[in-house]
Amino acid sequence: MVSTTEIENFNKNFDVVSVFIEHNEEILLLHRQDHKPQGNTWANVAGKVNGGENLLDALIREVEEEIGLKIKKENYTYFKKYYVRYPGYDFLYHIYHLLLEERPILNLNLEESKDYKWIKPQDALKLDLIQDEDISIKQFYNI
């Protein structure tokens, strides 16, 4: 269950940060390794926020760890927070946006992901996406 308003009896276990990295009207999606939770699905760069870490610092760390990019804080724009309930736990899912003028050379972390692609948001909806990723894509891109 995903909601933009707090879910009844919501008990946050952790926060997750995610980012739509966009260039030339395409977004970057990573193909998750099979051994990862919800493996073999496509998703944005994302990850859990460590204790004591603020959201933006966590996002900057995740972007660097997963694709090797160092991007300044001021380049990110906060989009929305979702309340997410999966069986057994609740978490907050924070989504940012990063618009790039040039397509970067990525250094993909092969422990996390096995591939990546740049794709139009409407075409991304045809992929096997990580659970509920379609909701945020539809809302952000008004599809």
N, C-alpha and C. Protein backbone atom coordinates (compact mmCIF):
# COMPACT_ATOMS: atom_id res chain seq x y z
N MET A 1 0.84 -1.17 0.00
CA MET A 1 0.00 0.00 0.00
C MET A 1 0.89 1.24 0.00
N VAL A 2 0.54 2.20 -0.84
CA VAL A 2 1.28 3.44 -0.96
C VAL A 2 0.29 4.59 -0.87
N SER A 3 0.66 5.62 -0.11
CA SER A 3 -0.23 6.76 0.04
C SER A 3 0.58 8.05 0.22
N THR A 4 0.02 9.15 -0.26
CA THR A 4 0.66 10.45 -0.02
C THR A 4 0.21 11.04 1.32
N THR A 5 -0.77 10.41 1.95
CA THR A 5 -1.20 10.81 3.30
C THR A 5 -0.92 9.65 4.24
N GLU A 6 -0.77 9.97 5.51
CA GLU A 6 -0.38 8.94 6.47
C GLU A 6 -1.40 7.81 6.54
N ILE A 7 -0.90 6.60 6.52
CA ILE A 7 -1.70 5.39 6.60
C ILE A 7 -2.06 5.15 8.06
N GLU A 8 -3.28 4.67 8.30
CA GLU A 8 -3.71 4.39 9.66
C GLU A 8 -2.74 3.42 10.35
N ASN A 9 -2.40 3.72 11.60
CA ASN A 9 -1.48 2.91 12.41
C ASN A 9 -0.11 2.77 11.77
N PHE A 10 0.33 3.80 11.04
CA PHE A 10 1.63 3.78 10.39
C PHE A 10 2.72 3.77 11.45
N ASN A 11 3.66 2.84 11.31
CA ASN A 11 4.76 2.71 12.27
C ASN A 11 6.06 2.62 11.46
N LYS A 12 6.67 3.79 11.23
CA LYS A 12 7.86 3.85 10.37
C LYS A 12 9.01 3.03 10.93
N ASN A 13 9.53 2.13 10.09
CA ASN A 13 10.71 1.35 10.44
C ASN A 13 11.99 2.00 9.92
N PHE A 14 11.89 2.73 8.80
CA PHE A 14 13.06 3.39 8.22
C PHE A 14 12.59 4.35 7.13
N ASP A 15 13.54 5.13 6.59
CA ASP A 15 13.30 6.03 5.46
C ASP A 15 14.10 5.52 4.27
N VAL A 16 13.53 5.70 3.08
CA VAL A 16 14.22 5.39 1.84
C VAL A 16 14.23 6.66 0.99
N VAL A 17 15.36 6.93 0.36
CA VAL A 17 15.47 8.04 -0.59
C VAL A 17 15.63 7.47 -2.00
N SER A 18 15.09 8.20 -2.95
CA SER A 18 15.11 7.78 -4.34
C SER A 18 15.19 9.02 -5.21
N VAL A 19 15.63 8.83 -6.47
CA VAL A 19 15.75 9.99 -7.35
C VAL A 19 15.43 9.62 -8.79
N PHE A 20 14.64 10.49 -9.43
CA PHE A 20 14.47 10.43 -10.86
C PHE A 20 15.64 11.20 -11.46
N ILE A 21 16.58 10.48 -12.04
CA ILE A 21 17.70 11.11 -12.73
C ILE A 21 17.28 11.20 -14.19
N GLU A 22 17.21 12.42 -14.69
CA GLU A 22 16.63 12.65 -16.01
C GLU A 22 17.61 13.38 -16.92
N HIS A 23 17.64 12.92 -18.16
CA HIS A 23 18.41 13.60 -19.21
C HIS A 23 17.66 13.44 -20.52
N ASN A 24 17.46 14.54 -21.22
CA ASN A 24 16.85 14.52 -22.55
C ASN A 24 15.51 13.76 -22.55
N GLU A 25 14.69 14.04 -21.53
CA GLU A 25 13.36 13.46 -21.37
C GLU A 25 13.36 11.95 -21.15
N GLU A 26 14.49 11.41 -20.71
CA GLU A 26 14.58 10.00 -20.33
C GLU A 26 15.05 9.91 -18.89
N ILE A 27 14.60 8.86 -18.20
CA ILE A 27 15.02 8.64 -16.83
C ILE A 27 15.94 7.43 -16.77
N LEU A 28 16.78 7.43 -15.76
CA LEU A 28 17.72 6.33 -15.54
C LEU A 28 17.06 5.30 -14.63
N LEU A 29 17.04 4.06 -15.08
CA LEU A 29 16.57 2.96 -14.24
C LEU A 29 17.67 1.92 -14.13
N LEU A 30 17.77 1.33 -12.96
CA LEU A 30 18.75 0.28 -12.69
C LEU A 30 18.06 -1.07 -12.63
N HIS A 31 18.71 -2.09 -13.16
CA HIS A 31 18.19 -3.45 -13.14
C HIS A 31 18.82 -4.16 -11.94
N ARG A 32 17.99 -4.42 -10.95
CA ARG A 32 18.48 -4.95 -9.67
C ARG A 32 19.02 -6.38 -9.82
N GLN A 33 20.10 -6.64 -9.07
CA GLN A 33 20.66 -7.99 -9.05
C GLN A 33 19.64 -8.97 -8.50
N ASP A 34 19.72 -10.22 -8.93
CA ASP A 34 18.77 -11.25 -8.52
C ASP A 34 18.75 -11.46 -7.00
N HIS A 35 19.90 -11.32 -6.33
CA HIS A 35 19.98 -11.59 -4.90
C HIS A 35 19.43 -10.45 -4.03
N LYS A 36 19.11 -9.30 -4.62
CA LYS A 36 18.58 -8.17 -3.88
C LYS A 36 17.08 -8.38 -3.63
N PRO A 37 16.53 -7.74 -2.59
CA PRO A 37 15.07 -7.81 -2.42
C PRO A 37 14.39 -7.32 -3.70
N GLN A 38 13.36 -8.03 -4.13
CA GLN A 38 12.67 -7.77 -5.40
C GLN A 38 13.67 -7.75 -6.57
N GLY A 39 14.57 -8.71 -6.53
CA GLY A 39 15.60 -8.80 -7.56
C GLY A 39 15.03 -8.96 -8.95
N ASN A 40 15.83 -8.61 -9.93
CA ASN A 40 15.50 -8.70 -11.35
C ASN A 40 14.38 -7.73 -11.76
N THR A 41 14.17 -6.69 -10.96
CA THR A 41 13.22 -5.64 -11.32
C THR A 41 13.99 -4.36 -11.62
N TRP A 42 13.30 -3.38 -12.19
CA TRP A 42 13.90 -2.09 -12.54
C TRP A 42 13.47 -1.06 -11.52
N ALA A 43 14.39 -0.14 -11.17
CA ALA A 43 14.09 0.87 -10.15
C ALA A 43 15.01 2.07 -10.31
N ASN A 44 14.60 3.16 -9.68
CA ASN A 44 15.45 4.35 -9.57
C ASN A 44 16.64 4.05 -8.68
N VAL A 45 17.63 4.91 -8.71
CA VAL A 45 18.67 4.87 -7.69
C VAL A 45 17.96 5.16 -6.37
N ALA A 46 18.17 4.30 -5.38
CA ALA A 46 17.47 4.44 -4.11
C ALA A 46 18.21 3.67 -3.02
N GLY A 47 17.89 4.00 -1.79
CA GLY A 47 18.46 3.26 -0.67
C GLY A 47 17.98 3.78 0.66
N LYS A 48 18.28 2.99 1.68
CA LYS A 48 17.88 3.36 3.04
C LYS A 48 18.75 4.48 3.58
N VAL A 49 18.13 5.28 4.42
CA VAL A 49 18.83 6.35 5.12
C VAL A 49 19.45 5.74 6.38
N ASN A 50 20.75 5.97 6.57
CA ASN A 50 21.43 5.47 7.76
C ASN A 50 21.09 6.33 8.96
N GLY A 51 21.19 5.77 10.15
CA GLY A 51 20.92 6.51 11.38
C GLY A 51 21.76 7.76 11.48
N GLY A 52 21.13 8.89 11.79
CA GLY A 52 21.84 10.15 11.93
C GLY A 52 22.11 10.87 10.62
N GLU A 53 21.78 10.27 9.51
CA GLU A 53 22.02 10.85 8.19
C GLU A 53 20.77 11.63 7.75
N ASN A 54 20.98 12.84 7.18
CA ASN A 54 19.80 13.53 6.66
C ASN A 54 19.47 12.99 5.27
N LEU A 55 18.28 13.30 4.80
CA LEU A 55 17.78 12.70 3.56
C LEU A 55 18.66 13.00 2.36
N LEU A 56 19.03 14.25 2.20
CA LEU A 56 19.81 14.63 1.03
C LEU A 56 21.22 14.03 1.07
N ASP A 57 21.83 13.99 2.23
CA ASP A 57 23.14 13.35 2.35
C ASP A 57 23.05 11.86 2.00
N ALA A 58 21.97 11.22 2.44
CA ALA A 58 21.76 9.80 2.12
C ALA A 58 21.62 9.61 0.61
N LEU A 59 20.88 10.50 -0.02
CA LEU A 59 20.69 10.39 -1.46
C LEU A 59 22.00 10.59 -2.21
N ILE A 60 22.76 11.58 -1.83
CA ILE A 60 24.06 11.83 -2.46
C ILE A 60 24.97 10.61 -2.31
N ARG A 61 24.96 10.00 -1.13
CA ARG A 61 25.75 8.79 -0.89
C ARG A 61 25.28 7.65 -1.79
N GLU A 62 23.97 7.44 -1.87
CA GLU A 62 23.43 6.35 -2.69
C GLU A 62 23.77 6.54 -4.17
N VAL A 63 23.64 7.76 -4.68
CA VAL A 63 23.96 8.03 -6.09
C VAL A 63 25.44 7.71 -6.36
N GLU A 64 26.30 8.12 -5.44
CA GLU A 64 27.72 7.84 -5.63
C GLU A 64 28.01 6.34 -5.52
N GLU A 65 27.40 5.66 -4.53
CA GLU A 65 27.64 4.23 -4.35
C GLU A 65 27.10 3.39 -5.51
N GLU A 66 25.93 3.74 -6.03
CA GLU A 66 25.29 2.89 -7.02
C GLU A 66 25.71 3.17 -8.46
N ILE A 67 26.01 4.44 -8.78
CA ILE A 67 26.36 4.75 -10.18
C ILE A 67 27.62 5.60 -10.32
N GLY A 68 28.28 5.92 -9.21
CA GLY A 68 29.56 6.60 -9.27
C GLY A 68 29.52 8.09 -9.57
N LEU A 69 28.36 8.73 -9.43
CA LEU A 69 28.27 10.17 -9.70
C LEU A 69 28.32 10.98 -8.41
N LYS A 70 29.09 12.06 -8.46
CA LYS A 70 29.13 13.01 -7.35
C LYS A 70 28.40 14.27 -7.82
N ILE A 71 27.22 14.49 -7.25
CA ILE A 71 26.37 15.60 -7.66
C ILE A 71 26.14 16.51 -6.45
N LYS A 72 26.26 17.81 -6.65
CA LYS A 72 26.09 18.77 -5.57
C LYS A 72 24.64 18.81 -5.08
N LYS A 73 24.49 19.10 -3.78
CA LYS A 73 23.16 19.14 -3.15
C LYS A 73 22.19 20.05 -3.87
N GLU A 74 22.67 21.20 -4.31
CA GLU A 74 21.75 22.19 -4.90
C GLU A 74 21.16 21.75 -6.24
N ASN A 75 21.67 20.67 -6.81
CA ASN A 75 21.15 20.19 -8.09
C ASN A 75 19.92 19.30 -7.93
N TYR A 76 19.66 18.84 -6.70
CA TYR A 76 18.52 17.97 -6.43
C TYR A 76 17.30 18.79 -6.03
N THR A 77 16.13 18.34 -6.46
CA THR A 77 14.87 18.96 -6.08
C THR A 77 14.00 17.90 -5.40
N TYR A 78 13.46 18.25 -4.25
CA TYR A 78 12.58 17.32 -3.54
C TYR A 78 11.23 17.27 -4.24
N PHE A 79 10.71 16.06 -4.48
CA PHE A 79 9.41 15.92 -5.13
C PHE A 79 8.31 15.60 -4.13
N LYS A 80 8.40 14.44 -3.48
CA LYS A 80 7.27 14.00 -2.67
C LYS A 80 7.68 12.91 -1.69
N LYS A 81 6.87 12.80 -0.64
CA LYS A 81 7.04 11.74 0.36
C LYS A 81 5.83 10.82 0.26
N TYR A 82 6.09 9.52 0.26
CA TYR A 82 5.04 8.51 0.27
C TYR A 82 5.12 7.70 1.55
N TYR A 83 3.96 7.34 2.06
CA TYR A 83 3.85 6.40 3.17
C TYR A 83 3.66 5.03 2.53
N VAL A 84 4.53 4.10 2.89
CA VAL A 84 4.50 2.79 2.24
C VAL A 84 4.33 1.71 3.31
N ARG A 85 3.42 0.80 3.05
CA ARG A 85 3.22 -0.36 3.93
C ARG A 85 3.43 -1.62 3.10
N TYR A 86 4.44 -2.38 3.49
CA TYR A 86 4.68 -3.71 2.94
C TYR A 86 4.33 -4.70 4.04
N PRO A 87 4.12 -5.95 3.70
CA PRO A 87 3.84 -6.93 4.76
C PRO A 87 4.98 -6.95 5.78
N GLY A 88 4.69 -6.61 7.01
CA GLY A 88 5.68 -6.69 8.08
C GLY A 88 6.41 -5.40 8.42
N TYR A 89 6.30 -4.36 7.59
CA TYR A 89 6.99 -3.12 7.93
C TYR A 89 6.43 -1.93 7.14
N ASP A 90 6.63 -0.75 7.73
CA ASP A 90 6.24 0.52 7.13
C ASP A 90 7.48 1.38 6.92
N PHE A 91 7.49 2.18 5.87
CA PHE A 91 8.60 3.11 5.67
C PHE A 91 8.15 4.34 4.90
N LEU A 92 8.93 5.41 5.02
CA LEU A 92 8.71 6.62 4.24
C LEU A 92 9.62 6.57 3.03
N TYR A 93 9.05 6.90 1.87
CA TYR A 93 9.76 6.87 0.61
C TYR A 93 9.83 8.30 0.09
N HIS A 94 11.03 8.87 0.08
CA HIS A 94 11.24 10.26 -0.32
C HIS A 94 11.82 10.28 -1.74
N ILE A 95 11.17 11.03 -2.63
CA ILE A 95 11.62 11.07 -4.02
C ILE A 95 12.14 12.46 -4.37
N TYR A 96 13.28 12.46 -5.02
CA TYR A 96 13.92 13.67 -5.52
C TYR A 96 13.96 13.61 -7.04
N HIS A 97 14.36 14.73 -7.62
CA HIS A 97 14.54 14.81 -9.07
C HIS A 97 15.89 15.45 -9.35
N LEU A 98 16.57 14.95 -10.35
CA LEU A 98 17.86 15.49 -10.77
C LEU A 98 17.85 15.58 -12.29
N LEU A 99 17.89 16.80 -12.80
CA LEU A 99 17.90 17.02 -14.24
C LEU A 99 19.34 17.28 -14.68
N LEU A 100 19.83 16.45 -15.58
CA LEU A 100 21.21 16.56 -16.05
C LEU A 100 21.25 17.16 -17.45
N GLU A 101 22.20 18.06 -17.67
CA GLU A 101 22.36 18.67 -18.99
C GLU A 101 23.10 17.75 -19.95
N GLU A 102 23.99 16.93 -19.41
CA GLU A 102 24.75 15.97 -20.23
C GLU A 102 24.54 14.57 -19.68
N ARG A 103 24.51 13.60 -20.57
CA ARG A 103 24.40 12.21 -20.12
C ARG A 103 25.75 11.77 -19.55
N PRO A 104 25.77 11.37 -18.29
CA PRO A 104 27.04 11.03 -17.65
C PRO A 104 27.51 9.62 -18.01
N ILE A 105 28.78 9.40 -17.81
CA ILE A 105 29.34 8.05 -17.86
C ILE A 105 29.14 7.46 -16.47
N LEU A 106 28.48 6.32 -16.41
CA LEU A 106 28.15 5.72 -15.12
C LEU A 106 29.15 4.62 -14.76
N ASN A 107 29.41 4.52 -13.48
CA ASN A 107 30.23 3.45 -12.94
C ASN A 107 29.30 2.59 -12.09
N LEU A 108 28.61 1.65 -12.72
CA LEU A 108 27.58 0.85 -12.08
C LEU A 108 28.16 -0.08 -11.03
N ASN A 109 27.57 -0.05 -9.83
CA ASN A 109 27.95 -0.95 -8.75
C ASN A 109 27.31 -2.30 -9.03
N LEU A 110 28.11 -3.27 -9.46
CA LEU A 110 27.59 -4.56 -9.88
C LEU A 110 27.12 -5.44 -8.72
N GLU A 111 27.41 -5.05 -7.50
CA GLU A 111 26.83 -5.74 -6.34
C GLU A 111 25.35 -5.41 -6.21
N GLU A 112 24.99 -4.21 -6.63
CA GLU A 112 23.62 -3.72 -6.50
C GLU A 112 22.78 -3.97 -7.76
N SER A 113 23.35 -3.66 -8.91
CA SER A 113 22.60 -3.69 -10.17
C SER A 113 23.40 -4.41 -11.24
N LYS A 114 22.66 -5.04 -12.18
CA LYS A 114 23.33 -5.75 -13.26
C LYS A 114 23.30 -5.01 -14.58
N ASP A 115 22.49 -3.95 -14.65
CA ASP A 115 22.40 -3.19 -15.89
C ASP A 115 21.68 -1.88 -15.59
N TYR A 116 21.65 -1.01 -16.58
CA TYR A 116 20.89 0.23 -16.48
C TYR A 116 20.40 0.61 -17.86
N LYS A 117 19.41 1.49 -17.88
CA LYS A 117 18.94 2.01 -19.16
C LYS A 117 18.35 3.39 -18.95
N TRP A 118 18.46 4.19 -20.00
CA TRP A 118 17.79 5.48 -20.08
C TRP A 118 16.53 5.22 -20.89
N ILE A 119 15.38 5.66 -20.37
CA ILE A 119 14.11 5.30 -20.98
C ILE A 119 13.08 6.40 -20.75
N LYS A 120 12.20 6.58 -21.69
CA LYS A 120 11.10 7.53 -21.54
C LYS A 120 10.21 7.04 -20.39
N PRO A 121 9.73 7.95 -19.53
CA PRO A 121 8.92 7.52 -18.38
C PRO A 121 7.72 6.64 -18.77
N GLN A 122 7.03 6.98 -19.86
CA GLN A 122 5.87 6.17 -20.25
C GLN A 122 6.30 4.77 -20.68
N ASP A 123 7.50 4.62 -21.25
CA ASP A 123 8.00 3.30 -21.63
C ASP A 123 8.49 2.52 -20.41
N ALA A 124 8.94 3.23 -19.39
CA ALA A 124 9.37 2.57 -18.16
C ALA A 124 8.23 1.78 -17.53
N LEU A 125 7.01 2.26 -17.72
CA LEU A 125 5.85 1.59 -17.13
C LEU A 125 5.61 0.21 -17.74
N LYS A 126 6.24 -0.09 -18.85
CA LYS A 126 6.10 -1.41 -19.50
C LYS A 126 7.09 -2.43 -18.94
N LEU A 127 8.06 -1.95 -18.14
CA LEU A 127 9.08 -2.83 -17.56
C LEU A 127 8.57 -3.50 -16.30
N ASP A 128 9.27 -4.53 -15.88
CA ASP A 128 8.99 -5.17 -14.59
C ASP A 128 9.65 -4.30 -13.52
N LEU A 129 8.88 -3.35 -12.99
CA LEU A 129 9.40 -2.39 -12.02
C LEU A 129 9.31 -2.94 -10.61
N ILE A 130 10.18 -2.41 -9.74
CA ILE A 130 10.10 -2.73 -8.32
C ILE A 130 8.71 -2.32 -7.83
N GLN A 131 8.23 -3.00 -6.83
CA GLN A 131 6.86 -2.77 -6.33
C GLN A 131 6.57 -1.29 -6.12
N ASP A 132 5.48 -0.82 -6.70
CA ASP A 132 4.93 0.54 -6.54
C ASP A 132 5.73 1.65 -7.22
N GLU A 133 6.80 1.32 -7.95
CA GLU A 133 7.56 2.35 -8.66
C GLU A 133 6.69 3.04 -9.70
N ASP A 134 5.76 2.30 -10.28
CA ASP A 134 4.88 2.88 -11.29
C ASP A 134 4.06 4.05 -10.76
N ILE A 135 3.68 4.00 -9.50
CA ILE A 135 2.87 5.07 -8.91
C ILE A 135 3.63 6.39 -8.92
N SER A 136 4.88 6.35 -8.48
CA SER A 136 5.66 7.59 -8.44
C SER A 136 5.98 8.10 -9.84
N ILE A 137 6.23 7.21 -10.79
CA ILE A 137 6.49 7.63 -12.17
C ILE A 137 5.25 8.32 -12.74
N LYS A 138 4.11 7.71 -12.55
CA LYS A 138 2.86 8.29 -13.06
C LYS A 138 2.59 9.66 -12.44
N GLN A 139 2.81 9.79 -11.14
CA GLN A 139 2.53 11.06 -10.49
C GLN A 139 3.52 12.14 -10.88
N PHE A 140 4.80 11.80 -10.93
CA PHE A 140 5.81 12.81 -11.25
C PHE A 140 5.66 13.30 -12.69
N TYR A 141 5.44 12.37 -13.61
CA TYR A 141 5.41 12.71 -15.03
C TYR A 141 3.98 12.90 -15.58
N ASN A 142 2.99 12.90 -14.68
CA ASN A 142 1.59 13.11 -15.08
C ASN A 142 1.16 12.21 -16.23
N ILE A 143 1.45 10.94 -16.07
CA ILE A 143 1.10 9.94 -17.09
C ILE A 143 -0.23 9.28 -16.70
